[in-house]
Each structure stands twice: as structure tokens, then as C-alpha cells.
């Protein structure tokens, strides 16, 4: 019985939660990010994708280098005078290897069930698998909604 979908199989070779599976997930993240952003290297300033069927999606460059780029990908919600980013993912893109991985996910602390899930993952490999599966599914959702930068 599958308790959490982060354990779904990615390829016939890669077992869920394995290092090979994680690398396969990074490859998939890169492909799905490409559905939203035609040329990641061309993104040098904050940009917003607006579609009628979803919240505004923000892509914010943090570091831009020859072989790697780091972006924040988030929705922003207004609560009175404050703005809340959620989910708030920091994604590192390895252009030459064609991989994309979540470095951090700021938001577990706002969601009790996510915090509980994350605290139960003791191995770093499991934590990375969980974060990157979340990105993978969110990128697919955003593409289905029509987001594009």
C-alpha cells in the first residue's frame, strides 16, 4: 500500500527513494520546468506568469552563473499589508547536465501535515525525494493551468 505518492516508480531501473530515482526526478524536473520557461538562461529579472485559471506564478532569479542558475518559484498571497509566498521553492538548475533540484522549500512550517511528513524523513535522500516530487507535481499542475514565462 502506497502511503505517500513520493514513492511512485519513475523508471524500470530507478527505485523510489534511491539515488538513481532522485537523479531521474531531477531530469524530469528540468523537462517540466522547460514547459514553463523556454530559455532559463534568458531569465535575468523577476517575472510573473498570469493566467485566469490560477494564482500568479513568480519566477525570481537568485544566482545566475554559466553552468548553474538558482531561482525562487512561488505564488504570492496578500494578507492585509503582508505578502506570503507559498509554496516557496528554491530551485537550482544545472544547465549543462539538464537537471533541476529543489534546494529548499520554505513552507513546511506553515502546514502541519507537511511539517509532520518532513520531520518523519530521517535520511537526506528521503527529504530530497519529497521536496523534488513536490516540485515535479507542481510544475505539471502549473503547465496544465497554462503558465508560461
Protein backbone atom coordinates (compact mmCIF):
# COMPACT_ATOMS: atom_id res chain seq x y z
CA UNK A 1 0.00 0.00 0.00
CA UNK A 2 1.39 3.40 -1.02
CA UNK A 3 1.06 5.90 1.83
CA UNK A 4 2.61 8.83 0.01
CA UNK A 5 2.91 9.33 -3.73
CA UNK A 6 6.58 10.33 -3.47
CA UNK A 7 7.28 6.58 -3.56
CA UNK A 8 5.86 6.10 -7.06
CA UNK A 9 8.18 4.40 -9.53
CA UNK A 10 9.97 6.65 -12.01
CA UNK A 11 11.58 4.12 -14.39
CA UNK A 12 12.14 0.39 -14.50
CA UNK A 13 15.69 0.90 -13.22
CA UNK A 14 15.09 3.54 -10.59
CA UNK A 15 13.51 2.54 -7.31
CA UNK A 16 11.57 5.17 -5.35
CA UNK A 17 13.78 6.78 -2.75
CA UNK A 18 17.00 5.62 -4.44
CA UNK A 19 19.82 7.85 -5.65
CA UNK A 20 19.16 6.78 -9.26
CA UNK A 21 15.49 7.57 -8.78
CA UNK A 22 16.36 11.01 -7.44
CA UNK A 23 18.54 11.77 -10.46
CA UNK A 24 15.67 10.66 -12.72
CA UNK A 25 13.39 13.02 -10.82
CA UNK A 26 15.89 15.89 -11.32
CA UNK A 27 15.84 15.17 -15.06
CA UNK A 28 12.05 15.21 -15.06
CA UNK A 29 12.03 18.50 -13.12
CA UNK A 30 14.29 20.06 -15.77
CA UNK A 31 11.97 18.92 -18.58
CA UNK A 32 8.86 20.17 -16.78
CA UNK A 33 10.49 23.49 -15.94
CA UNK A 34 11.18 23.80 -19.66
CA UNK A 35 7.41 23.57 -20.26
CA UNK A 36 7.08 26.84 -18.33
CA UNK A 37 10.30 28.61 -19.33
CA UNK A 38 11.56 28.27 -22.90
CA UNK A 39 15.05 29.62 -22.15
CA UNK A 40 16.05 29.56 -18.49
CA UNK A 41 19.34 31.33 -19.21
CA UNK A 42 17.41 34.32 -20.57
CA UNK A 43 15.59 34.90 -17.27
CA UNK A 44 17.64 37.63 -15.59
CA UNK A 45 14.93 39.52 -13.71
CA UNK A 46 11.82 38.70 -11.72
CA UNK A 47 9.00 37.63 -13.99
CA UNK A 48 5.36 36.74 -13.40
CA UNK A 49 3.07 34.35 -15.25
CA UNK A 50 -0.59 35.35 -15.06
CA UNK A 51 -3.39 33.01 -16.16
CA UNK A 52 -7.11 33.18 -15.47
CA UNK A 53 -7.28 29.66 -14.03
CA UNK A 54 -4.64 30.05 -11.29
CA UNK A 55 -2.71 32.35 -8.99
CA UNK A 56 0.13 34.50 -10.33
CA UNK A 57 3.31 32.42 -10.53
CA UNK A 58 6.55 34.24 -9.70
CA UNK A 59 10.00 33.25 -11.01
CA UNK A 60 12.78 35.14 -9.26
CA UNK A 61 16.45 34.71 -10.21
CA UNK A 62 18.73 34.41 -7.17
CA UNK A 63 22.06 33.39 -8.74
CA UNK A 64 22.94 33.34 -12.42
CA UNK A 65 26.12 31.56 -13.47
CA UNK A 66 27.41 29.94 -16.64
CA UNK A 67 26.51 26.37 -15.73
CA UNK A 68 24.00 26.85 -12.92
CA UNK A 69 21.17 29.17 -12.03
CA UNK A 70 19.15 29.40 -8.85
CA UNK A 71 15.54 30.59 -8.94
CA UNK A 72 12.72 31.01 -6.45
CA UNK A 73 9.41 29.72 -7.74
CA UNK A 74 6.35 30.76 -5.74
CA UNK A 75 2.82 32.01 -5.55
CA UNK A 76 2.39 35.23 -3.57
CA UNK A 77 -0.69 35.83 -1.47
CA UNK A 78 -1.71 39.16 0.05
CA UNK A 79 -2.82 39.09 3.69
CA UNK A 80 -3.58 42.65 4.66
CA UNK A 81 -0.35 44.60 4.43
CA UNK A 82 1.79 41.46 4.31
CA UNK A 83 2.65 39.16 1.44
CA UNK A 84 3.06 35.40 1.92
CA UNK A 85 4.96 33.21 -0.55
CA UNK A 86 3.62 29.66 -0.68
CA UNK A 87 4.86 27.27 -1.82
CA UNK A 88 8.25 28.95 -1.84
CA UNK A 89 10.83 26.76 -3.56
CA UNK A 90 14.46 27.50 -4.29
CA UNK A 91 15.35 25.57 -7.44
CA UNK A 92 18.90 25.04 -8.68
CA UNK A 93 19.17 24.41 -12.43
CA UNK A 94 22.25 22.65 -13.79
CA UNK A 95 22.16 23.77 -17.42
CA UNK A 96 24.94 21.53 -18.73
CA UNK A 97 23.61 18.37 -17.01
CA UNK A 98 19.95 19.30 -17.75
CA UNK A 99 18.89 18.78 -14.12
CA UNK A 100 16.76 20.84 -11.73
CA UNK A 101 16.63 20.23 -7.97
CA UNK A 102 14.87 21.86 -5.07
CA UNK A 103 17.45 23.23 -2.65
CA UNK A 104 14.92 24.41 -0.12
CA UNK A 105 11.19 24.54 0.46
CA UNK A 106 10.11 27.35 2.74
CA UNK A 107 6.63 26.43 3.81
CA UNK A 108 6.66 23.23 5.82
CA UNK A 109 6.32 25.29 9.00
CA UNK A 110 3.00 26.81 7.78
CA UNK A 111 1.40 23.45 7.05
CA UNK A 112 1.10 20.99 9.92
CA UNK A 113 0.71 17.89 7.74
CA UNK A 114 3.73 18.80 5.58
CA UNK A 115 5.81 19.53 8.67
CA UNK A 116 4.83 16.14 10.12
CA UNK A 117 5.75 14.38 6.88
CA UNK A 118 9.08 16.20 6.62
CA UNK A 119 10.03 15.54 10.26
CA UNK A 120 9.46 11.82 9.70
CA UNK A 121 12.05 11.69 6.92
CA UNK A 122 15.37 11.00 8.61
CA UNK A 123 17.61 10.41 5.59
CA UNK A 124 18.71 13.36 3.45
CA UNK A 125 17.92 11.28 0.36
CA UNK A 126 14.30 10.89 1.52
CA UNK A 127 13.97 14.62 2.22
CA UNK A 128 15.33 15.49 -1.23
CA UNK A 129 12.99 12.94 -2.82
CA UNK A 130 9.99 14.50 -1.08
CA UNK A 131 10.90 18.11 -1.99
CA UNK A 132 11.61 17.27 -5.61
CA UNK A 133 8.49 15.16 -6.07
CA UNK A 134 6.52 18.17 -4.83
CA UNK A 135 8.21 20.38 -7.45
CA UNK A 136 7.60 17.79 -10.16
CA UNK A 137 3.87 17.63 -9.47
CA UNK A 138 3.56 21.41 -9.06
CA UNK A 139 5.32 22.07 -12.39
CA UNK A 140 2.89 19.71 -14.12
CA UNK A 141 -0.04 21.47 -12.42
CA UNK A 142 1.25 24.91 -13.47
CA UNK A 143 1.70 23.76 -17.07
CA UNK A 144 -1.83 22.33 -17.11
CA UNK A 145 -3.15 25.69 -15.90
CA UNK A 146 -1.39 27.42 -18.81
CA UNK A 147 1.50 29.13 -17.04
CA UNK A 148 4.43 30.19 -19.22
CA UNK A 149 7.22 32.70 -18.79
